N, C-alpha and C. Protein backbone atom coordinates (compact mmCIF):
# COMPACT_ATOMS: atom_id res chain seq x y z
N UNK A 1 -0.26 -27.23 -60.47
CA UNK A 1 0.13 -25.92 -60.99
C UNK A 1 0.74 -25.06 -59.87
N UNK A 2 0.11 -25.04 -58.69
CA UNK A 2 0.58 -24.22 -57.60
C UNK A 2 1.98 -24.63 -57.18
N UNK A 3 2.24 -25.93 -57.06
CA UNK A 3 3.58 -26.40 -56.70
C UNK A 3 4.59 -25.97 -57.74
N UNK A 4 4.22 -26.05 -59.01
CA UNK A 4 5.14 -25.69 -60.08
C UNK A 4 5.50 -24.21 -60.00
N UNK A 5 4.50 -23.35 -59.81
CA UNK A 5 4.72 -21.90 -59.78
C UNK A 5 5.53 -21.53 -58.53
N UNK A 6 5.21 -22.14 -57.40
CA UNK A 6 5.90 -21.81 -56.16
C UNK A 6 7.36 -22.20 -56.21
N UNK A 7 7.68 -23.29 -56.87
CA UNK A 7 9.05 -23.75 -56.94
C UNK A 7 9.84 -23.15 -58.09
N UNK A 8 9.18 -22.49 -59.01
CA UNK A 8 9.84 -21.92 -60.16
C UNK A 8 10.65 -20.71 -59.70
N UNK A 9 11.94 -20.69 -59.93
CA UNK A 9 12.85 -19.71 -59.34
C UNK A 9 12.64 -18.27 -59.80
N UNK A 10 12.14 -18.05 -60.98
CA UNK A 10 12.03 -16.66 -61.45
C UNK A 10 10.77 -15.97 -60.98
N UNK A 11 9.83 -16.70 -60.44
CA UNK A 11 8.60 -16.09 -59.91
C UNK A 11 8.69 -15.98 -58.40
N UNK A 12 8.10 -14.93 -57.89
CA UNK A 12 8.01 -14.77 -56.44
C UNK A 12 6.57 -15.07 -56.04
N UNK A 13 6.25 -16.32 -55.99
CA UNK A 13 4.92 -16.76 -55.63
C UNK A 13 5.01 -17.67 -54.42
N UNK A 14 3.91 -17.72 -53.67
CA UNK A 14 3.85 -18.64 -52.54
C UNK A 14 2.40 -19.02 -52.31
N UNK A 15 2.22 -20.07 -51.56
CA UNK A 15 0.89 -20.52 -51.22
C UNK A 15 0.24 -19.47 -50.33
N UNK A 16 -1.04 -19.22 -50.56
CA UNK A 16 -1.75 -18.19 -49.82
C UNK A 16 -1.72 -18.47 -48.32
N UNK A 17 -1.97 -19.71 -47.92
CA UNK A 17 -2.00 -20.04 -46.50
C UNK A 17 -0.63 -19.82 -45.85
N UNK A 18 0.43 -20.18 -46.57
CA UNK A 18 1.79 -19.99 -46.05
C UNK A 18 2.09 -18.49 -45.94
N UNK A 19 1.72 -17.75 -46.97
CA UNK A 19 1.95 -16.30 -46.96
C UNK A 19 1.17 -15.65 -45.82
N UNK A 20 -0.06 -16.10 -45.60
CA UNK A 20 -0.88 -15.56 -44.51
C UNK A 20 -0.24 -15.84 -43.16
N UNK A 21 0.26 -17.04 -42.95
CA UNK A 21 0.94 -17.38 -41.70
C UNK A 21 2.20 -16.55 -41.51
N UNK A 22 2.98 -16.41 -42.59
CA UNK A 22 4.20 -15.60 -42.51
C UNK A 22 3.87 -14.15 -42.19
N UNK A 23 2.82 -13.64 -42.82
CA UNK A 23 2.41 -12.26 -42.58
C UNK A 23 1.97 -12.08 -41.12
N UNK A 24 1.19 -13.03 -40.60
CA UNK A 24 0.76 -12.97 -39.19
C UNK A 24 1.96 -12.96 -38.25
N UNK A 25 2.94 -13.82 -38.51
CA UNK A 25 4.14 -13.87 -37.67
C UNK A 25 4.90 -12.55 -37.73
N UNK A 26 5.03 -12.01 -38.93
CA UNK A 26 5.75 -10.74 -39.09
C UNK A 26 5.02 -9.60 -38.38
N UNK A 27 3.70 -9.58 -38.51
CA UNK A 27 2.91 -8.53 -37.85
C UNK A 27 3.04 -8.64 -36.32
N UNK A 28 2.99 -9.86 -35.79
CA UNK A 28 3.13 -10.06 -34.35
C UNK A 28 4.50 -9.58 -33.88
N UNK A 29 5.52 -9.92 -34.64
CA UNK A 29 6.89 -9.49 -34.31
C UNK A 29 6.99 -7.96 -34.36
N UNK A 30 6.41 -7.35 -35.41
CA UNK A 30 6.45 -5.89 -35.53
C UNK A 30 5.72 -5.20 -34.39
N UNK A 31 4.55 -5.73 -34.02
CA UNK A 31 3.78 -5.15 -32.91
C UNK A 31 4.58 -5.25 -31.62
N UNK A 32 5.22 -6.39 -31.39
CA UNK A 32 6.04 -6.55 -30.18
C UNK A 32 7.19 -5.55 -30.16
N UNK A 33 7.84 -5.38 -31.32
CA UNK A 33 8.95 -4.42 -31.40
C UNK A 33 8.48 -2.99 -31.16
N UNK A 34 7.33 -2.65 -31.72
CA UNK A 34 6.79 -1.30 -31.53
C UNK A 34 6.41 -1.09 -30.06
N UNK A 35 5.78 -2.09 -29.45
CA UNK A 35 5.40 -1.98 -28.04
C UNK A 35 6.63 -1.80 -27.16
N UNK A 36 7.70 -2.54 -27.46
CA UNK A 36 8.94 -2.40 -26.70
C UNK A 36 9.53 -1.00 -26.90
N UNK A 37 9.46 -0.49 -28.13
CA UNK A 37 9.96 0.86 -28.41
C UNK A 37 9.16 1.93 -27.68
N UNK A 38 7.86 1.76 -27.64
CA UNK A 38 6.99 2.72 -26.93
C UNK A 38 7.31 2.69 -25.43
N UNK A 39 7.49 1.49 -24.89
CA UNK A 39 7.83 1.37 -23.46
C UNK A 39 9.16 2.06 -23.17
N UNK A 40 10.14 1.85 -24.03
CA UNK A 40 11.45 2.48 -23.84
C UNK A 40 11.33 4.00 -23.93
N UNK A 41 10.54 4.50 -24.87
CA UNK A 41 10.34 5.95 -25.00
C UNK A 41 9.69 6.52 -23.75
N UNK A 42 8.71 5.81 -23.20
CA UNK A 42 8.05 6.29 -21.98
C UNK A 42 9.05 6.33 -20.82
N UNK A 43 9.87 5.30 -20.71
CA UNK A 43 10.87 5.27 -19.64
C UNK A 43 11.86 6.42 -19.80
N UNK A 44 12.28 6.66 -21.04
CA UNK A 44 13.21 7.76 -21.29
C UNK A 44 12.55 9.10 -20.98
N UNK A 45 11.29 9.23 -21.34
CA UNK A 45 10.56 10.47 -21.07
C UNK A 45 10.46 10.72 -19.57
N UNK A 46 10.18 9.67 -18.80
CA UNK A 46 10.11 9.81 -17.35
C UNK A 46 11.48 10.21 -16.78
N UNK A 47 12.53 9.62 -17.32
CA UNK A 47 13.88 9.95 -16.87
C UNK A 47 14.21 11.41 -17.16
N UNK A 48 13.84 11.86 -18.35
CA UNK A 48 14.08 13.26 -18.73
C UNK A 48 13.28 14.20 -17.83
N UNK A 49 12.04 13.83 -17.51
CA UNK A 49 11.22 14.67 -16.62
C UNK A 49 11.84 14.78 -15.23
N UNK A 50 12.37 13.66 -14.72
CA UNK A 50 13.03 13.69 -13.42
C UNK A 50 14.25 14.59 -13.47
N UNK A 51 15.05 14.46 -14.52
CA UNK A 51 16.24 15.29 -14.66
C UNK A 51 15.86 16.76 -14.79
N UNK A 52 14.78 17.02 -15.51
CA UNK A 52 14.29 18.39 -15.67
C UNK A 52 13.92 18.98 -14.30
N UNK A 53 13.25 18.20 -13.48
CA UNK A 53 12.87 18.64 -12.14
C UNK A 53 14.10 18.97 -11.31
N UNK A 54 15.12 18.12 -11.40
CA UNK A 54 16.37 18.36 -10.66
C UNK A 54 17.02 19.65 -11.13
N UNK A 55 17.11 19.84 -12.43
CA UNK A 55 17.75 21.03 -12.99
C UNK A 55 16.98 22.29 -12.59
N UNK A 56 15.66 22.23 -12.65
CA UNK A 56 14.85 23.39 -12.26
C UNK A 56 15.09 23.73 -10.79
N UNK A 57 15.19 22.70 -9.95
CA UNK A 57 15.49 22.93 -8.53
C UNK A 57 16.85 23.57 -8.34
N UNK A 58 17.84 23.10 -9.09
CA UNK A 58 19.18 23.67 -8.98
C UNK A 58 19.21 25.12 -9.45
N UNK A 59 18.49 25.40 -10.53
CA UNK A 59 18.43 26.78 -11.03
C UNK A 59 17.78 27.68 -9.99
N UNK A 60 16.71 27.20 -9.36
CA UNK A 60 16.04 28.01 -8.33
C UNK A 60 16.97 28.25 -7.15
N UNK A 61 17.73 27.25 -6.76
CA UNK A 61 18.67 27.40 -5.65
C UNK A 61 19.74 28.42 -5.99
N UNK A 62 20.29 28.34 -7.19
CA UNK A 62 21.32 29.30 -7.61
C UNK A 62 20.73 30.70 -7.68
N UNK A 63 19.51 30.81 -8.17
CA UNK A 63 18.85 32.12 -8.26
C UNK A 63 18.70 32.72 -6.86
N UNK A 64 18.30 31.89 -5.89
CA UNK A 64 18.18 32.38 -4.51
C UNK A 64 19.53 32.83 -3.97
N UNK A 65 20.57 32.07 -4.25
CA UNK A 65 21.91 32.44 -3.79
C UNK A 65 22.35 33.75 -4.42
N UNK A 66 22.07 33.94 -5.70
CA UNK A 66 22.43 35.19 -6.38
C UNK A 66 21.64 36.34 -5.79
N UNK A 67 20.33 36.11 -5.55
CA UNK A 67 19.52 37.17 -4.94
C UNK A 67 20.05 37.55 -3.57
N UNK A 68 20.44 36.55 -2.77
CA UNK A 68 21.01 36.83 -1.46
C UNK A 68 22.30 37.63 -1.59
N UNK A 69 23.13 37.26 -2.55
CA UNK A 69 24.40 37.98 -2.78
C UNK A 69 24.11 39.42 -3.19
N UNK A 70 23.13 39.60 -4.05
CA UNK A 70 22.78 40.96 -4.46
C UNK A 70 22.26 41.77 -3.28
N UNK A 71 21.46 41.15 -2.43
CA UNK A 71 20.97 41.85 -1.26
C UNK A 71 22.12 42.22 -0.33
N UNK A 72 23.07 41.33 -0.17
CA UNK A 72 24.24 41.63 0.66
C UNK A 72 24.99 42.81 0.06
N UNK A 73 25.15 42.81 -1.25
CA UNK A 73 25.83 43.93 -1.91
C UNK A 73 25.06 45.24 -1.71
N UNK A 74 23.73 45.17 -1.78
CA UNK A 74 22.91 46.37 -1.57
C UNK A 74 23.10 46.86 -0.14
N UNK A 75 23.07 45.96 0.83
CA UNK A 75 23.26 46.36 2.24
C UNK A 75 24.66 46.92 2.47
N UNK A 76 25.65 46.35 1.83
CA UNK A 76 27.02 46.89 1.96
C UNK A 76 27.08 48.31 1.42
N UNK A 77 26.44 48.53 0.29
CA UNK A 77 26.42 49.87 -0.30
C UNK A 77 25.72 50.84 0.65
N UNK A 78 24.60 50.43 1.20
CA UNK A 78 23.87 51.30 2.14
C UNK A 78 24.71 51.57 3.39
N UNK A 79 25.42 50.53 3.87
CA UNK A 79 26.29 50.71 5.03
C UNK A 79 27.41 51.70 4.71
N UNK A 80 27.93 51.60 3.50
CA UNK A 80 28.97 52.53 3.08
C UNK A 80 28.42 53.95 3.03
N UNK A 81 27.22 54.12 2.52
CA UNK A 81 26.60 55.44 2.47
C UNK A 81 26.35 55.97 3.88
N UNK A 82 25.88 55.10 4.74
CA UNK A 82 25.64 55.52 6.13
C UNK A 82 26.95 55.92 6.81
N UNK A 83 27.99 55.18 6.52
CA UNK A 83 29.29 55.50 7.09
C UNK A 83 29.75 56.88 6.61
N UNK A 84 29.53 57.16 5.34
CA UNK A 84 29.90 58.47 4.80
C UNK A 84 29.07 59.58 5.46
N UNK A 85 27.80 59.34 5.62
CA UNK A 85 26.93 60.32 6.27
C UNK A 85 27.39 60.52 7.71
N UNK A 86 27.73 59.47 8.38
CA UNK A 86 28.19 59.55 9.77
C UNK A 86 29.48 60.37 9.86
N UNK A 87 30.40 60.11 8.93
CA UNK A 87 31.66 60.86 8.94
C UNK A 87 31.42 62.34 8.70
N UNK A 88 30.55 62.68 7.79
CA UNK A 88 30.24 64.10 7.53
C UNK A 88 29.57 64.75 8.74
N UNK A 89 28.68 63.97 9.34
CA UNK A 89 28.02 64.49 10.55
C UNK A 89 29.01 64.72 11.66
N UNK A 90 29.95 63.82 11.81
CA UNK A 90 30.96 63.96 12.85
C UNK A 90 31.82 65.17 12.60
N UNK A 91 32.19 65.41 11.33
CA UNK A 91 33.01 66.56 11.00
C UNK A 91 32.24 67.86 11.26
N UNK A 92 30.97 67.85 10.89
CA UNK A 92 30.15 69.06 11.10
C UNK A 92 29.96 69.33 12.59
N UNK A 93 29.85 68.26 13.32
CA UNK A 93 29.64 68.42 14.76
C UNK A 93 30.93 68.91 15.37
């Protein structure tokens, strides 16, 4: 009976032992694929973290450069004010 049902084209039947073996093989393959995917995700995550660290460092460097430029501008403004005060003092003197 089992051979007849398994070979009959309109039914989707199979021997339990064969189906169990096929299922085990498929599960092993799926687990391997998932493990490979997890490993790839971890590698990508590490790569993104490294890139993030680089970008944060670059942002900090640019921020320092901007702060230095702003300080230079502040000192130039103060020098200009001092120059004006000096000129007025010289005229008064």
